[in-house]
N, C-alpha and C. Protein backbone atom coordinates (compact mmCIF):
# COMPACT_ATOMS: atom_id res chain seq x y z
N UNK A 1 67.18 123.67 79.08
CA UNK A 1 67.95 123.37 80.70
C UNK A 1 67.61 124.85 81.55
N UNK A 2 67.61 125.84 80.56
CA UNK A 2 67.67 127.05 81.66
C UNK A 2 66.18 127.23 82.24
N UNK A 3 65.06 126.68 81.54
CA UNK A 3 63.86 126.56 82.16
C UNK A 3 63.63 125.55 83.10
N UNK A 4 64.24 124.55 83.03
CA UNK A 4 64.18 123.50 84.12
C UNK A 4 64.66 124.08 85.42
N UNK A 5 66.02 124.82 85.19
CA UNK A 5 66.69 125.53 86.48
C UNK A 5 65.45 126.29 87.04
N UNK A 6 65.06 127.36 86.31
CA UNK A 6 63.92 128.13 86.94
C UNK A 6 63.25 127.45 87.62
N UNK A 7 62.52 126.28 86.98
CA UNK A 7 61.56 125.80 87.73
C UNK A 7 61.85 125.05 88.88
N UNK A 8 63.04 124.60 89.21
CA UNK A 8 63.65 124.06 90.44
C UNK A 8 64.04 125.16 91.35
N UNK A 9 64.62 126.22 90.75
CA UNK A 9 64.79 127.27 91.88
C UNK A 9 63.41 128.06 92.31
N UNK A 10 62.11 127.77 91.73
CA UNK A 10 61.23 128.31 92.23
C UNK A 10 60.42 127.43 93.14
N UNK A 11 60.51 125.93 92.89
CA UNK A 11 60.12 125.24 93.80
C UNK A 11 60.90 125.11 95.10
N UNK A 12 62.23 125.34 94.95
CA UNK A 12 62.88 125.44 96.21
C UNK A 12 62.37 126.71 97.05
N UNK A 13 62.10 127.84 96.41
CA UNK A 13 61.63 128.86 97.18
C UNK A 13 60.44 128.79 97.81
N UNK A 14 59.20 128.23 96.90
CA UNK A 14 58.09 127.83 97.47
C UNK A 14 58.02 126.86 98.55
N UNK A 15 59.08 125.72 98.34
CA UNK A 15 59.14 124.71 99.44
C UNK A 15 59.56 125.27 100.90
N UNK A 16 60.69 125.96 100.60
CA UNK A 16 61.40 126.48 101.81
C UNK A 16 60.23 127.56 102.44
N UNK A 17 59.38 128.38 101.68
CA UNK A 17 58.64 129.21 102.48
C UNK A 17 57.33 128.56 103.10
N UNK A 18 56.72 127.49 102.33
CA UNK A 18 55.45 127.08 103.16
C UNK A 18 56.06 126.05 104.32
N UNK A 19 57.29 125.26 104.14
CA UNK A 19 57.58 124.37 105.01
C UNK A 19 57.98 125.29 106.34
N UNK A 20 58.72 126.57 106.17
CA UNK A 20 59.01 127.53 107.19
C UNK A 20 57.65 127.84 107.82
N UNK A 21 56.54 128.22 107.43
CA UNK A 21 55.11 128.86 107.77
C UNK A 21 54.91 127.24 108.59
N UNK A 22 54.94 126.09 108.24
CA UNK A 22 54.35 124.91 108.93
C UNK A 22 55.25 125.14 110.36
N UNK A 23 56.52 125.39 110.00
CA UNK A 23 57.49 125.04 111.42
C UNK A 23 57.16 126.52 112.53
N UNK A 24 56.81 127.52 111.81
CA UNK A 24 56.49 128.76 112.84
C UNK A 24 55.29 128.39 113.27
N UNK A 25 54.32 127.77 112.58
CA UNK A 25 53.05 127.92 113.12
C UNK A 25 53.08 126.64 114.16
N UNK A 26 53.71 125.57 114.14
CA UNK A 26 53.84 124.73 115.33
C UNK A 26 54.58 125.38 116.67
N UNK A 27 55.71 126.07 116.18
CA UNK A 27 56.17 126.64 117.46
C UNK A 27 55.22 127.83 118.01
N UNK A 28 54.58 128.19 117.26
CA UNK A 28 53.56 129.25 117.88
C UNK A 28 52.22 128.58 118.73
N UNK A 29 51.99 127.30 118.22
CA UNK A 29 50.91 126.27 118.86
C UNK A 29 51.36 126.16 120.31
N UNK A 30 53.01 125.94 120.26
CA UNK A 30 53.64 125.69 121.74
C UNK A 30 54.03 126.86 122.38
N UNK A 31 53.46 128.09 121.99
CA UNK A 31 54.01 129.28 122.59
C UNK A 31 55.20 129.51 122.88
N UNK A 32 55.93 129.23 121.73
CA UNK A 32 57.54 129.88 121.82
C UNK A 32 57.67 131.18 121.39
N UNK A 33 58.82 131.82 121.97
CA UNK A 33 59.09 133.21 121.67
C UNK A 33 59.57 133.20 120.45
N UNK A 34 60.12 134.57 120.10
CA UNK A 34 60.48 135.09 118.72
C UNK A 34 61.75 134.11 118.23
N UNK A 35 62.51 133.90 119.20
CA UNK A 35 63.84 133.04 118.43
C UNK A 35 63.37 131.52 118.24
N UNK A 36 62.29 131.07 119.10
CA UNK A 36 62.02 129.91 118.96
C UNK A 36 61.16 129.51 117.76
N UNK A 37 60.32 130.57 117.45
CA UNK A 37 59.54 130.74 116.24
C UNK A 37 60.29 130.62 114.87
N UNK A 38 61.50 131.21 114.86
CA UNK A 38 62.57 131.54 113.72
C UNK A 38 63.20 130.23 113.61
N UNK A 39 63.77 129.66 114.88
CA UNK A 39 64.51 128.59 114.66
C UNK A 39 63.91 127.40 114.24
N UNK A 40 62.74 127.35 114.64
CA UNK A 40 61.67 125.92 114.20
C UNK A 40 61.50 126.29 112.76
N UNK A 41 61.30 127.58 112.22
CA UNK A 41 60.85 127.73 111.09
C UNK A 41 62.12 127.37 110.00
N UNK A 42 63.33 127.68 110.33
CA UNK A 42 64.42 127.40 109.84
C UNK A 42 64.90 125.91 109.76
N UNK A 43 65.00 125.12 110.88
CA UNK A 43 65.15 123.66 110.74
C UNK A 43 64.04 123.17 109.76
N UNK A 44 62.99 123.38 109.93
CA UNK A 44 61.98 123.06 109.19
C UNK A 44 62.10 122.91 107.81
N UNK A 45 62.67 124.11 107.39
CA UNK A 45 62.84 124.63 105.91
C UNK A 45 64.14 123.83 105.26
N UNK A 46 65.06 123.71 106.19
CA UNK A 46 66.33 123.17 105.73
C UNK A 46 66.60 121.77 105.95
N UNK A 47 65.96 121.22 106.91
CA UNK A 47 66.35 119.98 107.71
C UNK A 47 66.38 118.85 106.79
N UNK A 48 65.40 118.75 105.90
CA UNK A 48 65.28 117.62 105.29
C UNK A 48 66.30 117.60 103.99
N UNK A 49 66.74 118.84 103.18
CA UNK A 49 67.76 118.58 102.40
C UNK A 49 69.27 118.69 103.02
N UNK A 50 69.30 119.09 104.20
CA UNK A 50 70.40 118.80 105.26
C UNK A 50 70.87 117.49 105.23
N UNK A 51 69.86 116.63 105.81
CA UNK A 51 70.14 115.34 105.91
C UNK A 51 70.59 114.87 104.69
N UNK A 52 69.75 114.86 103.64
CA UNK A 52 69.91 114.33 102.08
C UNK A 52 71.34 114.49 101.97
N UNK A 53 71.80 115.70 101.99
CA UNK A 53 73.19 116.02 101.75
C UNK A 53 74.25 115.36 102.32
N UNK A 54 73.98 115.12 103.68
CA UNK A 54 74.88 114.47 104.53
C UNK A 54 74.93 113.02 103.98
N UNK A 55 73.86 112.63 103.80
CA UNK A 55 73.84 111.00 103.14
C UNK A 55 74.49 110.83 101.91
N UNK A 56 74.37 111.85 100.90
CA UNK A 56 74.91 111.76 99.82
C UNK A 56 76.29 112.06 99.69
N UNK A 57 76.90 112.81 100.99
CA UNK A 57 78.34 113.12 101.02
C UNK A 57 78.76 114.44 100.37
N UNK A 58 77.18 115.47 100.39
CA UNK A 58 77.56 116.72 99.29
C UNK A 58 77.81 117.73 100.52
N UNK A 59 79.21 118.29 100.37
CA UNK A 59 79.56 119.25 101.32
C UNK A 59 79.98 120.48 100.84
N UNK A 60 79.87 121.50 101.34
CA UNK A 60 78.91 121.98 102.57
C UNK A 60 77.74 121.63 101.71
N UNK A 61 76.50 121.54 103.11
CA UNK A 61 75.14 121.29 102.83
C UNK A 61 74.51 122.52 101.94
N UNK A 62 73.39 122.06 101.13
CA UNK A 62 72.84 123.14 100.23
C UNK A 62 72.87 124.55 100.65
N UNK A 63 72.19 124.71 101.78
CA UNK A 63 71.75 126.02 102.29
C UNK A 63 73.09 126.73 102.72
N UNK A 64 74.02 126.09 102.78
CA UNK A 64 75.40 126.99 103.12
C UNK A 64 75.89 127.71 101.80
N UNK A 65 75.53 126.96 100.83
CA UNK A 65 76.17 127.50 99.57
C UNK A 65 74.97 128.43 99.00
N UNK A 66 73.68 128.37 99.47
CA UNK A 66 72.61 129.31 99.04
C UNK A 66 71.94 129.99 100.34
N UNK A 67 72.82 130.99 100.92
CA UNK A 67 72.37 131.55 102.18
C UNK A 67 70.76 132.27 102.10
N UNK A 68 70.35 132.65 100.92
CA UNK A 68 69.11 133.14 100.65
C UNK A 68 68.01 132.34 101.36
N UNK A 69 68.56 131.09 101.41
CA UNK A 69 67.59 129.98 102.37
C UNK A 69 66.97 130.62 103.38
N UNK A 70 68.30 131.16 104.46
CA UNK A 70 67.88 131.80 105.86
C UNK A 70 66.58 132.72 105.71
N UNK A 71 66.75 133.57 104.71
CA UNK A 71 65.97 134.67 104.62
C UNK A 71 64.59 134.24 104.14
N UNK A 72 64.52 133.32 103.18
CA UNK A 72 63.12 132.95 102.92
C UNK A 72 62.42 132.41 103.92
N UNK A 73 63.31 131.52 105.10
CA UNK A 73 62.58 130.91 106.00
C UNK A 73 62.03 131.80 107.21
N UNK A 74 63.13 132.83 107.18
CA UNK A 74 62.56 133.93 108.16
C UNK A 74 61.37 134.87 107.47
N UNK A 75 61.20 134.79 106.06
CA UNK A 75 59.83 135.48 105.67
C UNK A 75 58.74 134.69 106.17
N UNK A 76 58.96 133.26 106.24
CA UNK A 76 57.95 132.57 106.43
C UNK A 76 57.60 132.54 107.94
N UNK A 77 58.38 132.62 108.68
CA UNK A 77 58.33 132.77 110.09
C UNK A 77 57.37 134.12 110.32
N UNK A 78 57.91 135.16 109.72
CA UNK A 78 57.24 136.40 109.94
C UNK A 78 55.77 136.49 109.29
N UNK A 79 55.47 135.87 108.09
CA UNK A 79 54.00 135.79 107.80
C UNK A 79 53.13 134.96 108.57
N UNK A 80 53.78 133.86 109.11
CA UNK A 80 53.09 133.08 110.04
C UNK A 80 52.83 133.68 111.36
N UNK A 81 53.83 134.43 111.71
CA UNK A 81 53.42 135.12 113.14
C UNK A 81 52.54 135.94 113.09
N UNK A 82 52.58 137.11 111.75
CA UNK A 82 51.77 138.24 111.66
C UNK A 82 50.38 137.93 110.99
N UNK A 83 50.26 136.54 110.31
CA UNK A 83 48.85 136.20 110.11
C UNK A 83 47.91 135.33 110.87
N UNK A 84 48.98 134.98 112.08
CA UNK A 84 48.10 134.00 112.85
C UNK A 84 47.02 134.59 113.61
N UNK A 85 46.74 135.74 113.79
CA UNK A 85 45.48 136.23 114.26
C UNK A 85 44.25 135.97 113.65
N UNK A 86 44.45 135.68 112.07
CA UNK A 86 43.22 135.63 111.17
C UNK A 86 43.27 134.40 110.68
N UNK A 87 43.99 133.52 111.23
CA UNK A 87 44.00 132.12 110.64
C UNK A 87 42.88 131.34 111.31
N UNK A 88 41.72 130.96 111.00
CA UNK A 88 40.82 130.14 111.81
C UNK A 88 41.43 129.18 112.54
N UNK A 89 42.20 128.37 112.01
CA UNK A 89 42.77 127.26 112.58
C UNK A 89 44.27 127.00 112.25
N UNK A 90 44.82 127.16 112.97
CA UNK A 90 46.50 127.23 112.80
C UNK A 90 46.79 125.60 112.76
N UNK A 91 45.89 124.70 113.25
CA UNK A 91 46.52 123.30 112.90
C UNK A 91 46.17 123.14 111.53
N UNK A 92 45.07 123.54 110.79
CA UNK A 92 44.64 122.79 109.67
C UNK A 92 45.61 123.82 108.62
N UNK A 93 45.86 125.08 108.83
CA UNK A 93 46.71 125.86 107.98
C UNK A 93 48.28 124.99 108.07
N UNK A 94 48.50 124.59 109.29
CA UNK A 94 49.82 123.77 109.12
C UNK A 94 49.88 122.58 108.39
N UNK A 95 48.89 121.83 108.50
CA UNK A 95 48.62 120.64 107.80
C UNK A 95 48.71 120.87 106.23
N UNK A 96 48.20 121.61 105.85
CA UNK A 96 48.14 122.24 104.25
C UNK A 96 49.48 122.94 103.86
N UNK A 97 50.14 123.43 104.65
CA UNK A 97 51.41 124.20 104.28
C UNK A 97 52.31 123.08 104.51
N UNK A 98 52.32 122.26 105.27
CA UNK A 98 53.12 121.14 105.11
C UNK A 98 53.01 120.35 104.15
N UNK A 99 51.74 120.15 103.57
CA UNK A 99 51.44 119.10 102.44
C UNK A 99 52.15 119.84 101.25
N UNK A 100 52.03 120.89 100.99
CA UNK A 100 52.77 121.79 99.88
C UNK A 100 54.27 121.55 100.01
N UNK A 101 54.81 121.71 101.20
CA UNK A 101 56.16 121.67 101.41
C UNK A 101 56.43 120.01 101.28
N UNK A 102 55.74 119.35 101.38
CA UNK A 102 56.37 117.77 101.37
C UNK A 102 55.92 117.52 99.66
N UNK A 103 55.27 118.23 99.20
CA UNK A 103 55.14 117.75 97.65
C UNK A 103 56.35 118.31 96.85
N UNK A 104 56.59 119.50 97.12
CA UNK A 104 57.92 120.33 96.18
C UNK A 104 59.32 119.75 96.54
N UNK A 105 59.30 119.40 97.89
CA UNK A 105 60.65 119.05 98.39
C UNK A 105 60.95 117.35 98.00
N UNK A 106 59.51 116.82 97.98
CA UNK A 106 59.82 115.33 97.33
C UNK A 106 60.45 115.27 95.70
N UNK A 107 60.00 115.99 95.02
CA UNK A 107 60.78 116.30 93.72
C UNK A 107 62.17 116.92 93.86
N UNK A 108 62.22 117.87 94.71
CA UNK A 108 63.69 118.43 94.62
C UNK A 108 64.73 117.79 95.10
N UNK A 109 64.32 116.76 96.30
CA UNK A 109 65.27 115.71 96.64
C UNK A 109 65.62 114.63 95.67
N UNK A 110 64.65 114.26 94.92
CA UNK A 110 64.81 113.35 93.62
C UNK A 110 66.00 113.92 92.97
N UNK A 111 65.54 115.23 92.52
CA UNK A 111 66.47 115.81 91.63
C UNK A 111 67.80 115.96 92.06
N UNK A 112 68.01 116.29 93.29
CA UNK A 112 69.43 116.52 93.86
C UNK A 112 70.07 115.37 93.91
N UNK A 113 69.57 114.22 94.31
CA UNK A 113 70.02 112.80 94.27
C UNK A 113 70.39 112.44 92.85
N UNK A 114 69.49 112.48 91.96
CA UNK A 114 70.13 112.45 90.36
C UNK A 114 71.10 112.96 90.03
N UNK A 115 71.24 114.36 90.35
CA UNK A 115 72.32 115.31 89.91
C UNK A 115 73.67 114.74 90.74
N UNK A 116 73.48 114.21 92.04
CA UNK A 116 74.64 113.83 92.66
C UNK A 116 75.20 112.51 92.16
N UNK A 117 74.66 111.80 90.91
CA UNK A 117 74.91 110.53 90.56
C UNK A 117 74.10 109.47 91.31
N UNK A 118 73.35 109.41 91.81
CA UNK A 118 72.65 108.61 92.70
C UNK A 118 71.75 107.47 91.66
N UNK A 119 71.36 106.46 91.90
CA UNK A 119 70.45 105.67 91.09
C UNK A 119 69.16 106.12 91.47
N UNK A 120 68.18 105.61 90.45
CA UNK A 120 66.99 106.08 90.74
C UNK A 120 66.14 105.45 91.81
N UNK A 121 66.58 104.25 92.23
CA UNK A 121 66.21 103.71 93.54
C UNK A 121 66.52 104.87 94.76
N UNK A 122 67.97 105.16 94.84
CA UNK A 122 68.23 105.90 95.85
C UNK A 122 67.43 107.42 95.87
N UNK A 123 67.49 107.87 94.64
CA UNK A 123 66.76 109.09 94.37
C UNK A 123 65.51 109.19 95.14
N UNK A 124 64.54 108.23 94.84
CA UNK A 124 63.22 108.12 95.16
C UNK A 124 63.63 108.12 96.92
N UNK A 125 64.34 107.45 97.38
CA UNK A 125 64.42 107.27 98.97
C UNK A 125 64.79 108.71 99.39
N UNK A 126 65.83 109.43 98.77
CA UNK A 126 66.16 110.73 99.20
C UNK A 126 65.23 111.57 99.02
N UNK A 127 64.08 111.41 98.23
CA UNK A 127 63.16 112.19 98.00
C UNK A 127 62.13 112.44 99.20
N UNK A 128 61.94 111.17 99.73
CA UNK A 128 61.32 110.78 101.04
C UNK A 128 61.98 111.45 101.91
N UNK A 129 63.37 111.32 102.19
CA UNK A 129 64.01 111.82 103.31
C UNK A 129 64.18 113.41 103.30
N UNK A 130 64.17 113.91 102.03
CA UNK A 130 64.24 115.27 101.82
C UNK A 130 62.54 115.95 102.25
N UNK A 131 61.75 115.32 102.06
CA UNK A 131 60.26 115.61 102.10
C UNK A 131 59.85 115.52 103.54
N UNK A 132 60.50 114.60 104.26
CA UNK A 132 60.05 114.27 105.35
C UNK A 132 60.66 114.99 106.73
N UNK A 133 61.97 114.94 106.73
CA UNK A 133 63.07 115.13 107.73
C UNK A 133 62.92 116.20 108.45
N UNK A 134 62.66 117.56 107.64
CA UNK A 134 62.40 118.50 108.12
C UNK A 134 61.20 118.91 109.44
N UNK A 135 60.21 118.04 108.73
CA UNK A 135 58.94 117.74 109.59
C UNK A 135 59.17 116.95 110.90
N UNK A 136 60.11 115.99 110.51
CA UNK A 136 60.40 115.33 111.81
C UNK A 136 61.10 116.17 112.87
N UNK A 137 62.32 116.98 112.35
CA UNK A 137 62.96 117.75 113.29
C UNK A 137 62.07 118.82 114.07
N UNK A 138 61.20 119.34 113.38
CA UNK A 138 60.20 120.30 113.88
C UNK A 138 59.41 119.57 114.82
N UNK A 139 58.75 118.60 114.62
CA UNK A 139 57.82 117.90 115.56
C UNK A 139 58.47 117.52 116.80
N UNK A 140 59.87 117.05 116.64
CA UNK A 140 60.46 116.28 117.70
C UNK A 140 60.84 117.44 118.78
N UNK A 141 61.26 118.90 118.07
CA UNK A 141 61.91 120.02 118.83
C UNK A 141 60.45 120.50 119.60
N UNK A 142 59.39 120.12 118.98
CA UNK A 142 57.83 120.67 119.61
C UNK A 142 57.24 119.91 120.42
N UNK A 143 58.29 118.58 120.88
CA UNK A 143 57.47 117.45 121.39
C UNK A 143 56.06 117.07 121.03
N UNK A 144 55.84 116.84 119.53
CA UNK A 144 54.83 116.18 119.14
C UNK A 144 55.46 114.88 118.36
N UNK A 145 54.18 114.02 118.21
CA UNK A 145 54.84 112.86 117.13
C UNK A 145 54.97 113.40 115.87
N UNK A 146 55.90 113.09 115.21
CA UNK A 146 55.98 113.40 113.70
C UNK A 146 55.11 112.84 112.76
N UNK A 147 54.36 113.52 112.01
CA UNK A 147 53.49 113.07 111.00
C UNK A 147 53.66 111.95 110.47
N UNK A 148 55.18 111.94 109.88
CA UNK A 148 55.42 110.72 109.25
C UNK A 148 55.36 109.33 109.85
N UNK A 149 55.18 109.44 111.36
CA UNK A 149 55.14 108.35 112.09
C UNK A 149 53.89 108.06 112.50
N UNK A 150 52.82 109.15 111.94
CA UNK A 150 51.56 108.66 112.53
C UNK A 150 50.77 107.80 111.06
N UNK A 151 49.28 107.52 111.55
CA UNK A 151 48.63 106.59 110.60
C UNK A 151 48.44 107.24 109.26
N UNK A 152 48.68 108.47 109.16
CA UNK A 152 48.38 109.14 107.76
C UNK A 152 49.26 109.10 106.71
N UNK A 153 48.72 108.94 105.48
CA UNK A 153 49.23 108.98 104.13
C UNK A 153 50.31 109.97 103.88
N UNK A 154 51.58 109.89 104.40
CA UNK A 154 52.50 111.21 104.39
C UNK A 154 53.64 110.90 103.47
N UNK A 155 54.57 109.81 104.07
CA UNK A 155 55.79 109.58 103.27
C UNK A 155 55.23 108.81 101.90
N UNK A 156 54.41 107.86 101.97
CA UNK A 156 53.80 107.39 100.73
C UNK A 156 53.51 108.16 99.75
N UNK A 157 53.12 109.45 100.04
CA UNK A 157 52.68 110.55 98.87
C UNK A 157 54.30 111.02 98.09
N UNK A 158 55.03 111.12 98.91
CA UNK A 158 56.55 111.47 98.73
C UNK A 158 57.06 110.66 97.44
N UNK A 159 56.97 109.30 98.13
CA UNK A 159 57.73 108.28 97.38
C UNK A 159 56.92 108.16 96.09
N UNK A 160 55.55 108.27 96.11
CA UNK A 160 54.78 108.11 94.88
C UNK A 160 55.35 109.03 93.87
N UNK A 161 55.19 110.20 94.36
CA UNK A 161 55.51 111.32 93.55
C UNK A 161 56.85 111.30 92.94
N UNK A 162 57.91 110.90 93.84
CA UNK A 162 59.08 110.89 93.25
C UNK A 162 59.57 109.80 92.09
N UNK A 163 58.61 108.55 92.73
CA UNK A 163 58.72 107.64 91.79
C UNK A 163 58.32 108.20 90.27
N UNK A 164 57.34 108.93 90.24
CA UNK A 164 56.57 109.29 88.90
C UNK A 164 57.63 110.24 88.39
N UNK A 165 58.22 111.26 89.21
CA UNK A 165 59.27 111.95 88.52
C UNK A 165 60.29 111.08 87.94
N UNK A 166 60.76 110.41 88.60
CA UNK A 166 62.12 109.52 88.14
C UNK A 166 61.76 108.83 86.57
N UNK A 167 60.44 108.11 86.87
CA UNK A 167 59.92 107.35 85.69
C UNK A 167 59.85 108.48 84.44
N UNK A 168 59.22 109.60 84.62
CA UNK A 168 59.00 110.44 83.68
C UNK A 168 60.35 110.94 82.85
N UNK A 169 61.21 111.20 83.76
CA UNK A 169 62.52 111.35 83.28
C UNK A 169 63.49 110.07 82.52
N UNK A 170 62.74 109.00 83.04
CA UNK A 170 63.52 107.83 82.30
C UNK A 170 63.17 107.65 80.76
N UNK A 171 61.61 107.97 80.81
CA UNK A 171 60.96 107.79 79.40
C UNK A 171 61.25 109.34 78.56
N UNK A 172 62.17 110.07 78.95
CA UNK A 172 62.52 111.17 78.21
C UNK A 172 61.69 112.45 78.09
N UNK A 173 60.72 112.54 79.21
CA UNK A 173 60.19 113.75 79.35
C UNK A 173 60.95 114.86 79.75
N UNK A 174 60.71 116.12 79.41
CA UNK A 174 61.74 117.49 80.12
C UNK A 174 61.35 117.35 81.62
N UNK A 175 62.55 117.91 82.18
CA UNK A 175 62.51 117.92 83.65
C UNK A 175 61.65 118.86 84.12
N UNK A 176 61.63 119.99 83.53
CA UNK A 176 60.65 121.07 84.08
C UNK A 176 59.39 120.57 84.25
N UNK A 177 58.83 120.56 83.36
CA UNK A 177 57.29 120.00 83.18
C UNK A 177 56.95 118.80 84.09
N UNK A 178 57.96 117.78 84.14
CA UNK A 178 57.83 116.62 84.85
C UNK A 178 57.91 116.98 86.37
N UNK A 179 58.65 117.72 86.82
CA UNK A 179 58.92 118.20 88.08
C UNK A 179 57.32 118.90 88.58
N UNK A 180 56.87 119.64 87.99
CA UNK A 180 55.45 120.37 88.27
C UNK A 180 54.41 119.46 88.31
N UNK A 181 54.51 118.46 87.20
CA UNK A 181 53.43 117.35 87.15
C UNK A 181 53.57 116.51 88.65
N UNK A 182 54.69 116.22 88.71
CA UNK A 182 54.80 115.09 89.95
C UNK A 182 54.80 115.74 91.25
N UNK A 183 55.08 117.29 91.27
CA UNK A 183 54.59 117.86 92.55
C UNK A 183 52.97 118.21 92.83
N UNK A 184 52.43 118.10 91.70
CA UNK A 184 51.09 118.33 91.92
C UNK A 184 50.35 116.95 92.20
N UNK A 185 50.91 115.83 91.91
CA UNK A 185 50.51 114.53 91.86
C UNK A 185 50.81 114.01 93.34
N UNK A 186 51.95 114.59 93.81
CA UNK A 186 52.03 114.40 95.50
C UNK A 186 51.06 114.99 96.31
N UNK A 187 50.89 116.25 95.90
CA UNK A 187 50.12 117.06 96.68
C UNK A 187 48.78 116.52 96.59
N UNK A 188 48.18 115.95 95.36
CA UNK A 188 46.86 115.60 95.31
C UNK A 188 46.84 114.20 96.09
N UNK A 189 47.57 113.38 95.85
CA UNK A 189 47.80 112.26 96.96
C UNK A 189 47.54 112.56 98.49
N UNK A 190 48.40 113.55 99.10
CA UNK A 190 48.56 114.17 100.16
C UNK A 190 47.16 114.68 100.47
N UNK A 191 46.75 115.49 99.75
CA UNK A 191 45.58 116.46 99.85
C UNK A 191 44.46 115.34 100.09
N UNK A 192 44.12 114.24 99.21
CA UNK A 192 42.97 113.48 99.26
C UNK A 192 43.13 112.62 100.61
N UNK A 193 44.14 112.35 101.15
CA UNK A 193 44.67 111.69 102.47
C UNK A 193 43.96 112.45 103.50
N UNK A 194 44.27 114.11 103.41
CA UNK A 194 43.93 114.94 104.28
C UNK A 194 42.30 114.99 104.48
N UNK A 195 41.80 115.32 103.12
CA UNK A 195 40.29 115.68 103.11
C UNK A 195 39.31 114.40 103.55
N UNK A 196 39.98 113.02 102.88
CA UNK A 196 39.06 111.88 103.19
C UNK A 196 39.59 111.31 104.26
N UNK A 197 40.50 111.74 105.05
CA UNK A 197 41.06 110.91 105.97
C UNK A 197 41.54 109.42 105.93
N UNK A 198 42.20 109.62 104.78
CA UNK A 198 42.87 108.16 104.11
C UNK A 198 44.16 107.75 105.15
N UNK A 199 43.87 106.46 105.73
CA UNK A 199 44.96 106.26 106.31
C UNK A 199 45.71 104.90 106.01
N UNK A 200 47.03 104.57 106.40
CA UNK A 200 47.78 103.75 106.23
C UNK A 200 47.38 102.62 107.41
N UNK A 201 47.70 101.41 107.03
CA UNK A 201 47.25 100.11 107.84
C UNK A 201 48.07 100.18 109.05
N UNK A 202 47.63 99.70 110.47
CA UNK A 202 48.27 100.13 111.18
C UNK A 202 48.22 98.89 112.32
N UNK A 203 49.39 98.43 112.57
CA UNK A 203 49.57 97.01 112.80
C UNK A 203 49.90 97.06 114.54
N UNK A 204 49.57 96.31 115.30
CA UNK A 204 49.97 96.02 116.54
C UNK A 204 48.92 96.35 117.68
N UNK A 205 47.81 97.04 117.33
CA UNK A 205 47.24 97.73 117.99
C UNK A 205 46.58 96.76 119.15
N UNK A 206 45.92 96.03 118.70
CA UNK A 206 45.49 94.52 119.70
C UNK A 206 46.42 94.12 120.74
N UNK A 207 47.69 93.67 119.88
CA UNK A 207 48.48 93.23 120.80
C UNK A 207 49.16 94.12 121.88
N UNK A 208 49.04 95.59 121.67
CA UNK A 208 49.43 96.50 122.59
C UNK A 208 48.15 96.54 123.65
N UNK A 209 47.07 96.83 123.42
CA UNK A 209 45.99 96.60 124.36
C UNK A 209 46.21 95.42 125.27
N UNK A 210 46.32 94.40 124.44
CA UNK A 210 46.68 93.14 125.37
C UNK A 210 47.43 92.99 126.44
N UNK A 211 48.41 93.76 126.08
CA UNK A 211 49.55 93.75 127.11
C UNK A 211 49.46 95.01 128.28
């Protein structure tokens, strides 16, 4: 049990850090000032978990009880700001940082929902919420179309990874290794979509052109 707790704590820090980096890079791409970069990094890091906790009725929301989240997000913002001059492509770095955050937070979201007494189906749904809503808030505040609403394989990766995690637990697998395996599976799916440009079906294009 202690091992599982350590795994989840480590995944939480990793997810916060990389999502904060993705938020900061997006803010920097939009020429925001220091406050804007820090704010976007923070809301990207904690946004998904906040929405999840509100939907589950878990108050106060998780980061209020764990203020270290603020420090981790600010550290991510600092790393992105200092490192941006040597990053060849901020967009590419943003996409891959977001992929890591998506993979980690999908599993953490499922685990948080299960711990709150949610059913497996709701846990998988909450995984998608946790993994995507921070990025949604980031993109909306930066006046960009959210990744989850584009044609890319995004939320689907979170759903599959969370489903794998819940399934492993159902069959008695230990939580810690299951979380790591499911996070890697989620990242593999999202990474393959990025590298090979795998897209979800898009409907209505011809109809829109006709109008």
